[in-house]
Amino acid sequence: MLWSILLKHLVKSCDLTVIDAHGKTHRFGVSGQTPRSVVRLHDPSLHHKLLFYPEFHIGEAYMNGGIAIEEGSIW
């Protein structure tokens, strides 16, 4: 997925795990590094929405239950 390629280049100094809406696990950054975050996407439409306007869609998805922060934070 395109967002996966983008995150591979952006996340360098933490441990980020994203579980997409299809249940596939994607790992970014340095495994075991802190801070560590695990994010689960429940809404498949977020796979594309987060690429184009993440500041809006991540907050909206969190409020609507389309995304869950299972460990850590996204800050």
PDB file of N, CA and C in Angstrom:
ATOM      1  N   MET A   1       0.833  -1.175   0.000  1.00  0.00           N
ATOM      2  CA  MET A   1       0.000   0.000   0.000  1.00  0.00           C
ATOM      3  C   MET A   1       0.879   1.240   0.000  1.00  0.00           C
ATOM      4  N   LEU A   2       0.392   2.269  -0.615  1.00  0.00           N
ATOM      5  CA  LEU A   2       1.165   3.490  -0.767  1.00  0.00           C
ATOM      6  C   LEU A   2       1.533   4.112   0.573  1.00  0.00           C
ATOM      7  N   TRP A   3       0.601   4.133   1.530  1.00  0.00           N
ATOM      8  CA  TRP A   3       0.903   4.728   2.838  1.00  0.00           C
ATOM      9  C   TRP A   3       2.006   3.955   3.548  1.00  0.00           C
ATOM     10  N   SER A   4       2.094   2.659   3.284  1.00  0.00           N
ATOM     11  CA  SER A   4       3.134   1.833   3.891  1.00  0.00           C
ATOM     12  C   SER A   4       4.515   2.259   3.387  1.00  0.00           C
ATOM     13  N   ILE A   5       4.614   2.537   2.115  1.00  0.00           N
ATOM     14  CA  ILE A   5       5.880   3.000   1.539  1.00  0.00           C
ATOM     15  C   ILE A   5       6.264   4.350   2.128  1.00  0.00           C
ATOM     16  N   LEU A   6       5.299   5.231   2.262  1.00  0.00           N
ATOM     17  CA  LEU A   6       5.551   6.553   2.835  1.00  0.00           C
ATOM     18  C   LEU A   6       6.042   6.442   4.280  1.00  0.00           C
ATOM     19  N   LEU A   7       5.375   5.623   5.091  1.00  0.00           N
ATOM     20  CA  LEU A   7       5.776   5.487   6.494  1.00  0.00           C
ATOM     21  C   LEU A   7       7.156   4.860   6.642  1.00  0.00           C
ATOM     22  N   LYS A   8       7.542   3.985   5.734  1.00  0.00           N
ATOM     23  CA  LYS A   8       8.898   3.399   5.790  1.00  0.00           C
ATOM     24  C   LYS A   8       9.959   4.480   5.688  1.00  0.00           C
ATOM     25  N   HIS A   9       9.684   5.529   4.946  1.00  0.00           N
ATOM     26  CA  HIS A   9      10.644   6.614   4.777  1.00  0.00           C
ATOM     27  C   HIS A   9      10.549   7.661   5.876  1.00  0.00           C
ATOM     28  N   LEU A  10       9.390   7.795   6.505  1.00  0.00           N
ATOM     29  CA  LEU A  10       9.194   8.827   7.519  1.00  0.00           C
ATOM     30  C   LEU A  10       9.539   8.390   8.935  1.00  0.00           C
ATOM     31  N   VAL A  11       9.239   7.151   9.280  1.00  0.00           N
ATOM     32  CA  VAL A  11       9.417   6.674  10.659  1.00  0.00           C
ATOM     33  C   VAL A  11      10.810   6.064  10.789  1.00  0.00           C
ATOM     34  N   LYS A  12      11.675   6.747  11.530  1.00  0.00           N
ATOM     35  CA  LYS A  12      13.067   6.299  11.654  1.00  0.00           C
ATOM     36  C   LYS A  12      13.519   6.071  13.094  1.00  0.00           C
ATOM     37  N   SER A  13      12.947   6.801  14.052  1.00  0.00           N
ATOM     38  CA  SER A  13      13.522   6.762  15.399  1.00  0.00           C
ATOM     39  C   SER A  13      12.544   6.269  16.458  1.00  0.00           C
ATOM     40  N   CYS A  14      11.561   5.465  16.063  1.00  0.00           N
ATOM     41  CA  CYS A  14      10.631   4.881  17.025  1.00  0.00           C
ATOM     42  C   CYS A  14      10.181   3.533  16.486  1.00  0.00           C
ATOM     43  N   ASP A  15       9.299   2.888  17.197  1.00  0.00           N
ATOM     44  CA  ASP A  15       8.770   1.580  16.799  1.00  0.00           C
ATOM     45  C   ASP A  15       7.267   1.743  16.595  1.00  0.00           C
ATOM     46  N   LEU A  16       6.830   1.728  15.334  1.00  0.00           N
ATOM     47  CA  LEU A  16       5.426   1.909  15.000  1.00  0.00           C
ATOM     48  C   LEU A  16       4.905   0.663  14.312  1.00  0.00           C
ATOM     49  N   THR A  17       3.811   0.126  14.833  1.00  0.00           N
ATOM     50  CA  THR A  17       3.124  -0.999  14.212  1.00  0.00           C
ATOM     51  C   THR A  17       1.734  -0.538  13.814  1.00  0.00           C
ATOM     52  N   VAL A  18       1.384  -0.768  12.546  1.00  0.00           N
ATOM     53  CA  VAL A  18       0.054  -0.439  12.046  1.00  0.00           C
ATOM     54  C   VAL A  18      -0.600  -1.738  11.594  1.00  0.00           C
ATOM     55  N   ILE A  19      -1.771  -2.015  12.136  1.00  0.00           N
ATOM     56  CA  ILE A  19      -2.553  -3.176  11.720  1.00  0.00           C
ATOM     57  C   ILE A  19      -3.659  -2.629  10.838  1.00  0.00           C
ATOM     58  N   ASP A  20      -3.604  -2.980   9.552  1.00  0.00           N
ATOM     59  CA  ASP A  20      -4.570  -2.395   8.623  1.00  0.00           C
ATOM     60  C   ASP A  20      -5.949  -3.030   8.794  1.00  0.00           C
ATOM     61  N   ALA A  21      -6.918  -2.519   8.066  1.00  0.00           N
ATOM     62  CA  ALA A  21      -8.309  -2.954   8.208  1.00  0.00           C
ATOM     63  C   ALA A  21      -8.530  -4.387   7.752  1.00  0.00           C
ATOM     64  N   HIS A  22      -7.549  -4.962   7.067  1.00  0.00           N
ATOM     65  CA  HIS A  22      -7.639  -6.354   6.617  1.00  0.00           C
ATOM     66  C   HIS A  22      -6.891  -7.303   7.553  1.00  0.00           C
ATOM     67  N   GLY A  23      -6.332  -6.757   8.648  1.00  0.00           N
ATOM     68  CA  GLY A  23      -5.639  -7.566   9.638  1.00  0.00           C
ATOM     69  C   GLY A  23      -4.161  -7.766   9.383  1.00  0.00           C
ATOM     70  N   LYS A  24      -3.620  -7.160   8.340  1.00  0.00           N
ATOM     71  CA  LYS A  24      -2.201  -7.297   8.033  1.00  0.00           C
ATOM     72  C   LYS A  24      -1.397  -6.338   8.901  1.00  0.00           C
ATOM     73  N   THR A  25      -0.288  -6.829   9.460  1.00  0.00           N
ATOM     74  CA  THR A  25       0.567  -6.034  10.338  1.00  0.00           C
ATOM     75  C   THR A  25       1.714  -5.435   9.543  1.00  0.00           C
ATOM     76  N   HIS A  26       1.938  -4.125   9.739  1.00  0.00           N
ATOM     77  CA  HIS A  26       3.026  -3.402   9.082  1.00  0.00           C
ATOM     78  C   HIS A  26       3.889  -2.783  10.185  1.00  0.00           C
ATOM     79  N   ARG A  27       5.206  -3.007  10.119  1.00  0.00           N
ATOM     80  CA  ARG A  27       6.118  -2.462  11.133  1.00  0.00           C
ATOM     81  C   ARG A  27       7.022  -1.424  10.499  1.00  0.00           C
ATOM     82  N   PHE A  28       7.233  -0.339  11.247  1.00  0.00           N
ATOM     83  CA  PHE A  28       8.047   0.767  10.765  1.00  0.00           C
ATOM     84  C   PHE A  28       9.007   1.202  11.856  1.00  0.00           C
ATOM     85  N   GLY A  29      10.115   1.780  11.453  1.00  0.00           N
ATOM     86  CA  GLY A  29      11.085   2.300  12.403  1.00  0.00           C
ATOM     87  C   GLY A  29      11.992   1.208  12.917  1.00  0.00           C
ATOM     88  N   VAL A  30      12.406   1.362  14.168  1.00  0.00           N
ATOM     89  CA  VAL A  30      13.366   0.461  14.797  1.00  0.00           C
ATOM     90  C   VAL A  30      12.634  -0.414  15.812  1.00  0.00           C
ATOM     91  N   SER A  31      12.624  -1.709  15.575  1.00  0.00           N
ATOM     92  CA  SER A  31      11.943  -2.632  16.478  1.00  0.00           C
ATOM     93  C   SER A  31      12.561  -2.569  17.866  1.00  0.00           C
ATOM     94  N   GLY A  32      11.701  -2.470  18.881  1.00  0.00           N
ATOM     95  CA  GLY A  32      12.164  -2.402  20.267  1.00  0.00           C
ATOM     96  C   GLY A  32      12.527  -1.004  20.727  1.00  0.00           C
ATOM     97  N   GLN A  33      12.549  -0.049  19.827  1.00  0.00           N
ATOM     98  CA  GLN A  33      12.892   1.332  20.154  1.00  0.00           C
ATOM     99  C   GLN A  33      11.719   2.002  20.869  1.00  0.00           C
ATOM    100  N   THR A  34      12.007   2.941  21.735  1.00  0.00           N
ATOM    101  CA  THR A  34      10.948   3.729  22.343  1.00  0.00           C
ATOM    102  C   THR A  34      10.972   5.113  21.727  1.00  0.00           C
ATOM    103  N   PRO A  35       9.883   5.783  21.577  1.00  0.00           N
ATOM    104  CA  PRO A  35       8.546   5.333  21.943  1.00  0.00           C
ATOM    105  C   PRO A  35       8.022   4.263  20.990  1.00  0.00           C
ATOM    106  N   ARG A  36       7.113   3.447  21.514  1.00  0.00           N
ATOM    107  CA  ARG A  36       6.489   2.377  20.743  1.00  0.00           C
ATOM    108  C   ARG A  36       4.988   2.653  20.667  1.00  0.00           C
ATOM    109  N   SER A  37       4.432   2.473  19.470  1.00  0.00           N
ATOM    110  CA  SER A  37       2.995   2.680  19.269  1.00  0.00           C
ATOM    111  C   SER A  37       2.436   1.574  18.392  1.00  0.00           C
ATOM    112  N   VAL A  38       1.206   1.167  18.708  1.00  0.00           N
ATOM    113  CA  VAL A  38       0.475   0.206  17.887  1.00  0.00           C
ATOM    114  C   VAL A  38      -0.860   0.849  17.539  1.00  0.00           C
ATOM    115  N   VAL A  39      -1.132   0.941  16.237  1.00  0.00           N
ATOM    116  CA  VAL A  39      -2.342   1.583  15.735  1.00  0.00           C
ATOM    117  C   VAL A  39      -3.102   0.565  14.889  1.00  0.00           C
ATOM    118  N   ARG A  40      -4.405   0.464  15.117  1.00  0.00           N
ATOM    119  CA  ARG A  40      -5.238  -0.458  14.335  1.00  0.00           C
ATOM    120  C   ARG A  40      -6.270   0.353  13.549  1.00  0.00           C
ATOM    121  N   LEU A  41      -6.311   0.097  12.241  1.00  0.00           N
ATOM    122  CA  LEU A  41      -7.306   0.723  11.371  1.00  0.00           C
ATOM    123  C   LEU A  41      -8.488  -0.226  11.242  1.00  0.00           C
ATOM    124  N   HIS A  42      -9.677   0.252  11.520  1.00  0.00           N
ATOM    125  CA  HIS A  42     -10.885  -0.559  11.398  1.00  0.00           C
ATOM    126  C   HIS A  42     -11.633  -0.277  10.094  1.00  0.00           C
ATOM    127  N   ASP A  43     -11.382   0.882   9.507  1.00  0.00           N
ATOM    128  CA  ASP A  43     -12.097   1.328   8.313  1.00  0.00           C
ATOM    129  C   ASP A  43     -11.176   1.244   7.095  1.00  0.00           C
ATOM    130  N   PRO A  44     -11.463   0.380   6.120  1.00  0.00           N
ATOM    131  CA  PRO A  44     -10.598   0.244   4.946  1.00  0.00           C
ATOM    132  C   PRO A  44     -10.445   1.540   4.143  1.00  0.00           C
ATOM    133  N   SER A  45     -11.411   2.443   4.206  1.00  0.00           N
ATOM    134  CA  SER A  45     -11.288   3.692   3.445  1.00  0.00           C
ATOM    135  C   SER A  45     -10.162   4.575   3.988  1.00  0.00           C
ATOM    136  N   LEU A  46      -9.729   4.325   5.218  1.00  0.00           N
ATOM    137  CA  LEU A  46      -8.634   5.104   5.796  1.00  0.00           C
ATOM    138  C   LEU A  46      -7.313   4.837   5.102  1.00  0.00           C
ATOM    139  N   HIS A  47      -7.174   3.697   4.462  1.00  0.00           N
ATOM    140  CA  HIS A  47      -5.931   3.368   3.773  1.00  0.00           C
ATOM    141  C   HIS A  47      -5.573   4.464   2.771  1.00  0.00           C
ATOM    142  N   HIS A  48      -6.571   5.058   2.138  1.00  0.00           N
ATOM    143  CA  HIS A  48      -6.328   6.115   1.165  1.00  0.00           C
ATOM    144  C   HIS A  48      -6.510   7.505   1.771  1.00  0.00           C
ATOM    145  N   LYS A  49      -7.481   7.659   2.633  1.00  0.00           N
ATOM    146  CA  LYS A  49      -7.767   8.973   3.210  1.00  0.00           C
ATOM    147  C   LYS A  49      -6.580   9.534   3.984  1.00  0.00           C
ATOM    148  N   LEU A  50      -5.873   8.690   4.712  1.00  0.00           N
ATOM    149  CA  LEU A  50      -4.761   9.164   5.540  1.00  0.00           C
ATOM    150  C   LEU A  50      -3.589   9.672   4.714  1.00  0.00           C
ATOM    151  N   LEU A  51      -3.515   9.288   3.458  1.00  0.00           N
ATOM    152  CA  LEU A  51      -2.460   9.799   2.583  1.00  0.00           C
ATOM    153  C   LEU A  51      -2.699  11.250   2.185  1.00  0.00           C
ATOM    154  N   PHE A  52      -3.938  11.617   1.968  1.00  0.00           N
ATOM    155  CA  PHE A  52      -4.228  12.896   1.368  1.00  0.00           C
ATOM    156  C   PHE A  52      -4.496  14.023   2.355  1.00  0.00           C
ATOM    157  N   TYR A  53      -5.030  13.721   3.511  1.00  0.00           N
ATOM    158  CA  TYR A  53      -5.317  14.766   4.494  1.00  0.00           C
ATOM    159  C   TYR A  53      -5.289  14.132   5.882  1.00  0.00           C
ATOM    160  N   PRO A  54      -4.117  13.649   6.310  1.00  0.00           N
ATOM    161  CA  PRO A  54      -4.050  12.906   7.568  1.00  0.00           C
ATOM    162  C   PRO A  54      -4.455  13.712   8.797  1.00  0.00           C
ATOM    163  N   GLU A  55      -4.171  15.016   8.812  1.00  0.00           N
ATOM    164  CA  GLU A  55      -4.497  15.837   9.980  1.00  0.00           C
ATOM    165  C   GLU A  55      -5.992  15.824  10.265  1.00  0.00           C
ATOM    166  N   PHE A  56      -6.792  15.784   9.237  1.00  0.00           N
ATOM    167  CA  PHE A  56      -8.239  15.762   9.397  1.00  0.00           C
ATOM    168  C   PHE A  56      -8.754  14.342   9.638  1.00  0.00           C
ATOM    169  N   HIS A  57      -8.343  13.428   8.797  1.00  0.00           N
ATOM    170  CA  HIS A  57      -8.922  12.087   8.815  1.00  0.00           C
ATOM    171  C   HIS A  57      -8.526  11.265  10.044  1.00  0.00           C
ATOM    172  N   ILE A  58      -7.345  11.464  10.590  1.00  0.00           N
ATOM    173  CA  ILE A  58      -6.957  10.672  11.760  1.00  0.00           C
ATOM    174  C   ILE A  58      -7.802  11.061  12.972  1.00  0.00           C
ATOM    175  N   GLY A  59      -8.055  12.343  13.140  1.00  0.00           N
ATOM    176  CA  GLY A  59      -8.906  12.783  14.251  1.00  0.00           C
ATOM    177  C   GLY A  59     -10.346  12.331  14.084  1.00  0.00           C
ATOM    178  N   GLU A  60     -10.862  12.487  12.883  1.00  0.00           N
ATOM    179  CA  GLU A  60     -12.223  12.060  12.595  1.00  0.00           C
ATOM    180  C   GLU A  60     -12.366  10.548  12.780  1.00  0.00           C
ATOM    181  N   ALA A  61     -11.391   9.793  12.291  1.00  0.00           N
ATOM    182  CA  ALA A  61     -11.435   8.331  12.414  1.00  0.00           C
ATOM    183  C   ALA A  61     -11.365   7.897  13.880  1.00  0.00           C
ATOM    184  N   TYR A  62     -10.568   8.599  14.674  1.00  0.00           N
ATOM    185  CA  TYR A  62     -10.470   8.273  16.094  1.00  0.00           C
ATOM    186  C   TYR A  62     -11.810   8.499  16.792  1.00  0.00           C
ATOM    187  N   MET A  63     -12.446   9.612  16.481  1.00  0.00           N
ATOM    188  CA  MET A  63     -13.735   9.937  17.108  1.00  0.00           C
ATOM    189  C   MET A  63     -14.836   8.973  16.665  1.00  0.00           C
ATOM    190  N   ASN A  64     -14.764   8.477  15.419  1.00  0.00           N
ATOM    191  CA  ASN A  64     -15.791   7.584  14.870  1.00  0.00           C
ATOM    192  C   ASN A  64     -15.490   6.104  15.108  1.00  0.00           C
ATOM    193  N   GLY A  65     -14.347   5.787  15.712  1.00  0.00           N
ATOM    194  CA  GLY A  65     -13.989   4.399  15.964  1.00  0.00           C
ATOM    195  C   GLY A  65     -13.350   3.699  14.778  1.00  0.00           C
ATOM    196  N   GLY A  66     -12.948   4.462  13.772  1.00  0.00           N
ATOM    197  CA  GLY A  66     -12.306   3.875  12.598  1.00  0.00           C
ATOM    198  C   GLY A  66     -10.841   3.561  12.811  1.00  0.00           C
ATOM    199  N   ILE A  67     -10.263   4.125  13.871  1.00  0.00           N
ATOM    200  CA  ILE A  67      -8.865   3.885  14.213  1.00  0.00           C
ATOM    201  C   ILE A  67      -8.764   3.758  15.727  1.00  0.00           C
ATOM    202  N   ALA A  68      -7.891   2.882  16.179  1.00  0.00           N
ATOM    203  CA  ALA A  68      -7.687   2.692  17.621  1.00  0.00           C
ATOM    204  C   ALA A  68      -6.195   2.707  17.919  1.00  0.00           C
ATOM    205  N   ILE A  69      -5.820   3.404  18.969  1.00  0.00           N
ATOM    206  CA  ILE A  69      -4.440   3.406  19.439  1.00  0.00           C
ATOM    207  C   ILE A  69      -4.374   2.326  20.509  1.00  0.00           C
ATOM    208  N   GLU A  70      -3.743   1.200  20.190  1.00  0.00           N
ATOM    209  CA  GLU A  70      -3.734   0.063  21.109  1.00  0.00           C
ATOM    210  C   GLU A  70      -2.583   0.109  22.095  1.00  0.00           C
ATOM    211  N   GLU A  71      -1.522   0.802  21.724  1.00  0.00           N
ATOM    212  CA  GLU A  71      -0.375   0.925  22.614  1.00  0.00           C
ATOM    213  C   GLU A  71       0.338   2.231  22.307  1.00  0.00           C
ATOM    214  N   GLY A  72       0.786   2.916  23.341  1.00  0.00           N
ATOM    215  CA  GLY A  72       1.502   4.170  23.150  1.00  0.00           C
ATOM    216  C   GLY A  72       0.587   5.293  22.714  1.00  0.00           C
ATOM    217  N   SER A  73       1.137   6.187  21.904  1.00  0.00           N
ATOM    218  CA  SER A  73       0.359   7.302  21.374  1.00  0.00           C
ATOM    219  C   SER A  73       0.847   7.602  19.959  1.00  0.00           C
ATOM    220  N   ILE A  74       0.147   8.475  19.280  1.00  0.00           N
ATOM    221  CA  ILE A  74       0.571   8.838  17.935  1.00  0.00           C
ATOM    222  C   ILE A  74       1.382  10.123  17.925  1.00  0.00           C
ATOM    223  N   TRP A  75       1.610  10.706  19.084  1.00  0.00           N
ATOM    224  CA  TRP A  75       2.420  11.928  19.155  1.00  0.00           C
ATOM    225  C   TRP A  75       3.854  11.566  19.069  1.00  0.00           C
TER     226      TRP A  75
END
